[in-house]
C-alpha atoms as a PDB file:
ATOM      1  CA  MET A   1    -113.226  39.212-259.939  1.00  0.00           C
ATOM      2  CA  THR A   2    -109.858  40.860-260.551  1.00  0.00           C
ATOM      3  CA  LEU A   3    -107.683  39.517-263.363  1.00  0.00           C
ATOM      4  CA  SER A   4    -104.082  38.625-262.689  1.00  0.00           C
ATOM      5  CA  ALA A   5    -101.433  40.616-264.552  1.00  0.00           C
ATOM      6  CA  LEU A   6    -100.588  37.516-266.625  1.00  0.00           C
ATOM      7  CA  ASP A   7    -104.228  36.934-267.636  1.00  0.00           C
ATOM      8  CA  LEU A   8    -104.709  40.582-268.539  1.00  0.00           C
ATOM      9  CA  ALA A   9    -101.496  40.554-270.604  1.00  0.00           C
ATOM     10  CA  LEU A  10    -102.668  37.425-272.454  1.00  0.00           C
ATOM     11  CA  VAL A  11    -106.079  38.954-273.225  1.00  0.00           C
ATOM     12  CA  GLU A  12    -104.572  42.271-274.309  1.00  0.00           C
ATOM     13  CA  GLU A  13    -101.851  40.835-276.545  1.00  0.00           C
ATOM     14  CA  ALA A  14    -104.130  38.271-278.220  1.00  0.00           C
ATOM     15  CA  THR A  15    -106.924  40.794-278.771  1.00  0.00           C
ATOM     16  CA  LYS A  16    -104.601  43.500-280.126  1.00  0.00           C
ATOM     17  CA  LYS A  17    -103.123  41.122-282.697  1.00  0.00           C
ATOM     18  CA  SER A  18    -106.407  39.618-283.845  1.00  0.00           C
ATOM     19  CA  GLY A  19    -108.269  41.380-286.652  1.00  0.00           C
ATOM     20  CA  LEU A  20    -111.651  40.121-285.435  1.00  0.00           C
ATOM     21  CA  ILE A  21    -113.103  38.989-282.156  1.00  0.00           C
ATOM     22  CA  TRP A  22    -116.123  36.743-281.766  1.00  0.00           C
ATOM     23  CA  VAL A  23    -118.639  38.221-279.349  1.00  0.00           C
ATOM     24  CA  ARG A  24    -121.711  36.538-277.870  1.00  0.00           C
ATOM     25  CA  GLY A  25    -124.198  38.672-275.977  1.00  0.00           C
ATOM     26  CA  ASP A  26    -127.865  37.780-275.558  1.00  0.00           C
ATOM     27  CA  GLY A  27    -128.132  37.339-279.333  1.00  0.00           C
ATOM     28  CA  ALA A  28    -126.086  35.347-281.831  1.00  0.00           C
ATOM     29  CA  ASP A  29    -122.308  35.154-282.057  1.00  0.00           C
ATOM     30  CA  ARG A  30    -120.832  37.913-284.199  1.00  0.00           C
ATOM     31  CA  ALA A  31    -117.383  38.475-285.647  1.00  0.00           C
ATOM     32  CA  LEU A  32    -116.604  42.127-284.935  1.00  0.00           C
ATOM     33  CA  TRP A  33    -113.722  44.388-285.905  1.00  0.00           C
ATOM     34  CA  HIS A  34    -112.399  46.260-282.936  1.00  0.00           C
ATOM     35  CA  ALA A  35    -109.606  48.330-281.415  1.00  0.00           C
ATOM     36  CA  TRP A  36    -107.886  47.750-278.089  1.00  0.00           C
ATOM     37  CA  VAL A  37    -107.707  51.055-276.200  1.00  0.00           C
ATOM     38  CA  GLU A  38    -106.826  51.631-272.539  1.00  0.00           C
ATOM     39  CA  GLY A  39    -107.393  48.099-271.271  1.00  0.00           C
ATOM     40  CA  ALA A  40    -110.521  47.123-273.207  1.00  0.00           C
ATOM     41  CA  ALA A  41    -111.764  46.138-276.666  1.00  0.00           C
ATOM     42  CA  HIS A  42    -113.940  48.769-278.344  1.00  0.00           C
ATOM     43  CA  VAL A  43    -116.492  47.894-281.033  1.00  0.00           C
ATOM     44  CA  LEU A  44    -118.490  50.355-283.082  1.00  0.00           C
ATOM     45  CA  GLY A  45    -121.699  49.651-284.964  1.00  0.00           C
ATOM     46  CA  ASP A  46    -125.466  49.373-284.932  1.00  0.00           C
ATOM     47  CA  GLY A  47    -125.713  52.240-287.394  1.00  0.00           C
ATOM     48  CA  PRO A  48    -126.350  52.443-291.140  1.00  0.00           C
ATOM     49  CA  GLY A  49    -123.516  50.754-293.037  1.00  0.00           C
ATOM     50  CA  GLU A  50    -121.783  49.556-289.864  1.00  0.00           C
ATOM     51  CA  GLN A  51    -121.544  46.157-288.190  1.00  0.00           C
ATOM     52  CA  PRO A  52    -124.580  45.007-286.200  1.00  0.00           C
ATOM     53  CA  PHE A  53    -124.208  43.720-282.662  1.00  0.00           C
ATOM     54  CA  PRO A  54    -127.598  42.566-281.433  1.00  0.00           C
ATOM     55  CA  GLY A  55    -127.807  41.424-277.855  1.00  0.00           C
ATOM     56  CA  LEU A  56    -125.059  43.723-276.559  1.00  0.00           C
ATOM     57  CA  ALA A  57    -126.430  46.255-274.109  1.00  0.00           C
ATOM     58  CA  ASP A  58    -124.939  48.687-271.631  1.00  0.00           C
ATOM     59  CA  GLY A  59    -124.255  46.924-268.326  1.00  0.00           C
ATOM     60  CA  ALA A  60    -124.634  43.398-269.728  1.00  0.00           C
ATOM     61  CA  THR A  61    -121.936  40.759-270.004  1.00  0.00           C
ATOM     62  CA  ALA A  62    -120.569  39.201-273.170  1.00  0.00           C
ATOM     63  CA  GLU A  63    -118.381  36.227-274.028  1.00  0.00           C
ATOM     64  CA  VAL A  64    -115.436  37.160-276.237  1.00  0.00           C
ATOM     65  CA  THR A  65    -113.385  34.592-278.152  1.00  0.00           C
ATOM     66  CA  VAL A  66    -110.103  35.660-279.723  1.00  0.00           C
ATOM     67  CA  ARG A  67    -108.669  33.741-282.644  1.00  0.00           C
ATOM     68  CA  SER A  68    -105.152  33.545-283.959  1.00  0.00           C
ATOM     69  CA  LYS A  69    -104.552  35.911-286.860  1.00  0.00           C
ATOM     70  CA  ASP A  70    -102.293  33.493-288.741  1.00  0.00           C
ATOM     71  CA  LYS A  71    -103.872  30.065-288.050  1.00  0.00           C
ATOM     72  CA  GLY A  72    -107.440  31.073-287.159  1.00  0.00           C
ATOM     73  CA  GLY A  73    -107.541  28.829-284.084  1.00  0.00           C
ATOM     74  CA  ARG A  74    -108.953  29.854-280.716  1.00  0.00           C
ATOM     75  CA  LEU A  75    -106.356  31.528-278.480  1.00  0.00           C
ATOM     76  CA  VAL A  76    -108.296  32.696-275.455  1.00  0.00           C
ATOM     77  CA  ALA A  77    -111.853  33.387-274.339  1.00  0.00           C
ATOM     78  CA  TRP A  78    -112.845  36.018-271.824  1.00  0.00           C
ATOM     79  CA  THR A  79    -115.945  37.400-270.190  1.00  0.00           C
ATOM     80  CA  ALA A  80    -116.486  41.125-270.607  1.00  0.00           C
ATOM     81  CA  THR A  81    -118.617  43.792-269.043  1.00  0.00           C
ATOM     82  CA  VAL A  82    -120.262  45.885-271.755  1.00  0.00           C
ATOM     83  CA  ARG A  83    -120.330  49.641-271.311  1.00  0.00           C
ATOM     84  CA  GLU A  84    -121.684  52.091-273.891  1.00  0.00           C
ATOM     85  CA  LEU A  85    -119.607  55.259-274.252  1.00  0.00           C
ATOM     86  CA  ALA A  86    -121.307  58.620-274.629  1.00  0.00           C
ATOM     87  CA  PRO A  87    -120.604  60.312-277.987  1.00  0.00           C
ATOM     88  CA  ARG A  88    -117.921  62.991-278.047  1.00  0.00           C
ATOM     89  CA  GLY A  89    -116.679  62.232-274.525  1.00  0.00           C
ATOM     90  CA  GLU A  90    -112.991  61.871-273.703  1.00  0.00           C
ATOM     91  CA  GLU A  91    -113.054  58.031-273.732  1.00  0.00           C
ATOM     92  CA  TRP A  92    -115.177  58.044-276.890  1.00  0.00           C
ATOM     93  CA  ALA A  93    -112.717  60.342-278.709  1.00  0.00           C
ATOM     94  CA  ALA A  94    -109.713  58.164-277.780  1.00  0.00           C
ATOM     95  CA  ALA A  95    -111.441  54.981-278.966  1.00  0.00           C
ATOM     96  CA  VAL A  96    -112.727  56.574-282.181  1.00  0.00           C
ATOM     97  CA  ALA A  97    -109.222  57.800-283.035  1.00  0.00           C
ATOM     98  CA  GLU A  98    -108.028  54.170-282.983  1.00  0.00           C
ATOM     99  CA  LEU A  99    -111.100  52.780-284.745  1.00  0.00           C
ATOM    100  CA  LYS A 100    -110.934  55.349-287.540  1.00  0.00           C
ATOM    101  CA  GLY A 101    -107.624  53.925-288.738  1.00  0.00           C
ATOM    102  CA  LYS A 102    -109.044  50.394-288.759  1.00  0.00           C
ATOM    103  CA  ARG A 103    -112.290  51.158-290.609  1.00  0.00           C
ATOM    104  CA  LEU A 104    -111.863  49.912-294.147  1.00  0.00           C
ATOM    105  CA  ASN A 105    -113.858  51.110-297.149  1.00  0.00           C
ATOM    106  CA  ALA A 106    -115.707  53.862-295.342  1.00  0.00           C
ATOM    107  CA  PRO A 107    -118.012  55.695-297.766  1.00  0.00           C
ATOM    108  CA  ASP A 108    -117.484  59.031-296.018  1.00  0.00           C
ATOM    109  CA  SER A 109    -114.022  59.123-294.468  1.00  0.00           C
ATOM    110  CA  GLU A 110    -114.142  62.906-293.985  1.00  0.00           C
ATOM    111  CA  GLU A 111    -117.461  62.890-292.086  1.00  0.00           C
ATOM    112  CA  MET A 112    -117.089  59.453-290.514  1.00  0.00           C
ATOM    113  CA  THR A 113    -116.597  60.451-286.876  1.00  0.00           C
ATOM    114  CA  GLU A 114    -119.573  62.840-286.939  1.00  0.00           C
ATOM    115  CA  ARG A 115    -121.764  60.130-288.476  1.00  0.00           C
ATOM    116  CA  TRP A 116    -120.595  57.694-285.811  1.00  0.00           C
ATOM    117  CA  ALA A 117    -121.482  60.190-283.071  1.00  0.00           C
ATOM    118  CA  ARG A 118    -124.980  60.733-284.538  1.00  0.00           C
ATOM    119  CA  GLU A 119    -125.973  57.260-285.699  1.00  0.00           C
ATOM    120  CA  CYS A 120    -123.826  54.543-284.076  1.00  0.00           C
ATOM    121  CA  ARG A 121    -123.064  53.019-280.709  1.00  0.00           C
ATOM    122  CA  LEU A 122    -119.552  52.597-279.311  1.00  0.00           C
ATOM    123  CA  LEU A 123    -119.208  49.776-276.790  1.00  0.00           C
ATOM    124  CA  ARG A 124    -116.312  49.165-274.421  1.00  0.00           C
ATOM    125  CA  LEU A 125    -115.775  45.475-273.587  1.00  0.00           C
ATOM    126  CA  GLU A 126    -113.806  45.327-270.328  1.00  0.00           C
ATOM    127  CA  PRO A 127    -112.258  41.937-269.402  1.00  0.00           C
ATOM    128  CA  GLU A 128    -113.587  40.346-266.195  1.00  0.00           C
ATOM    129  CA  SER A 129    -112.410  36.732-266.328  1.00  0.00           C
ATOM    130  CA  VAL A 130    -110.341  34.544-268.656  1.00  0.00           C
ATOM    131  CA  ARG A 131    -110.699  30.962-269.881  1.00  0.00           C
ATOM    132  CA  THR A 132    -107.757  29.313-271.612  1.00  0.00           C
ATOM    133  CA  GLU A 133    -109.011  25.712-271.509  1.00  0.00           C
ATOM    134  CA  LEU A 134    -110.614  24.310-274.627  1.00  0.00           C
ATOM    135  CA  PRO A 135    -114.397  23.772-274.633  1.00  0.00           C
ATOM    136  CA  ALA A 136    -115.760  20.224-274.438  1.00  0.00           C
ATOM    137  CA  GLY A 137    -117.901  20.545-277.564  1.00  0.00           C
ATOM    138  CA  SER A 138    -117.900  22.457-280.808  1.00  0.00           C
ATOM    139  CA  LEU A 139    -118.596  26.173-280.694  1.00  0.00           C
ATOM    140  CA  ALA A 140    -119.575  26.235-284.368  1.00  0.00           C
ATOM    141  CA  ALA A 141    -122.733  28.196-285.056  1.00  0.00           C
ATOM    142  CA  ALA A 142    -125.075  27.889-288.001  1.00  0.00           C
ATOM    143  CA  PRO A 143    -124.691  30.754-290.467  1.00  0.00           C
ATOM    144  CA  PRO A 144    -127.447  33.370-290.366  1.00  0.00           C
ATOM    145  CA  PRO A 145    -130.144  32.988-293.011  1.00  0.00           C
ATOM    146  CA  SER A 146    -129.362  34.759-296.261  1.00  0.00           C
ATOM    147  CA  PRO A 147    -130.836  34.804-299.751  1.00  0.00           C
ATOM    148  CA  ALA A 148    -127.270  34.524-301.088  1.00  0.00           C
ATOM    149  CA  ILE A 149    -126.977  30.919-299.931  1.00  0.00           C
ATOM    150  CA  THR A 150    -128.553  28.572-302.454  1.00  0.00           C
ATOM    151  CA  ARG A 151    -128.041  24.904-303.198  1.00  0.00           C
ATOM    152  CA  ARG A 152    -128.495  23.681-306.736  1.00  0.00           C
ATOM    153  CA  PRO A 153    -127.170  20.618-308.547  1.00  0.00           C
ATOM    154  CA  ILE A 154    -123.958  21.226-310.468  1.00  0.00           C
ATOM    155  CA  PRO A 155    -124.431  21.587-314.227  1.00  0.00           C
ATOM    156  CA  ALA A 156    -124.089  18.274-316.061  1.00  0.00           C
ATOM    157  CA  HIS A 157    -121.320  19.549-318.363  1.00  0.00           C
ATOM    158  CA  LEU A 158    -119.112  20.958-315.570  1.00  0.00           C
ATOM    159  CA  PRO A 159    -117.120  17.763-314.813  1.00  0.00           C
ATOM    160  CA  LYS A 160    -116.231  17.411-318.515  1.00  0.00           C
ATOM    161  CA  LEU A 161    -115.032  21.031-318.654  1.00  0.00           C
ATOM    162  CA  LEU A 162    -112.886  20.597-315.553  1.00  0.00           C
ATOM    163  CA  LEU A 163    -111.330  17.352-316.828  1.00  0.00           C
ATOM    164  CA  LYS A 164    -110.581  18.973-320.195  1.00  0.00           C
ATOM    165  CA  ARG A 165    -108.734  21.851-318.445  1.00  0.00           C
ATOM    166  CA  LYS A 166    -106.636  19.432-316.377  1.00  0.00           C
ATOM    167  CA  LYS A 167    -105.604  17.477-319.474  1.00  0.00           C
ATOM    168  CA  SER A 168    -104.635  20.604-321.421  1.00  0.00           C
ATOM    169  CA  ALA A 169    -102.717  22.030-318.445  1.00  0.00           C
ATOM    170  CA  SER A 170    -100.658  18.854-318.009  1.00  0.00           C
ATOM    171  CA  ARG A 171     -99.442  18.880-321.656  1.00  0.00           C
END
């Protein structure tokens, strides 16, 4: 299916302005940082210290949801064809040049592109079709299991401490 110029412009502008895109392959939904280069979103990961993207494979399709950067609401959703780029190729170099500027807190900024070529995968998500209508149900997903998430009762003295601070602040 060929996208209309208006649909492609909507996907491109929304995706360029969004800091993260939500991608669903065969695995779970993932929020991924990306760069828009030459008509497609590019995501880098699956290496040590980089974002994981399970379920995204070369030749597969993925569902991409773009959110608003300021309000966080859903702007557009699109179906993408996933294509893995070969390291050090012309397309790979152009995408990595864009991604390098967006990678925050890299432990090895001098050697980053070489590490990416050796240890990571670079995927090109090319738009196929666009959906602008809202889904019938919630798209909320349960958070992945983590040892950092614990539920314990609040300490008994906490409400008294909070009330005391409010009273002293209002004086």
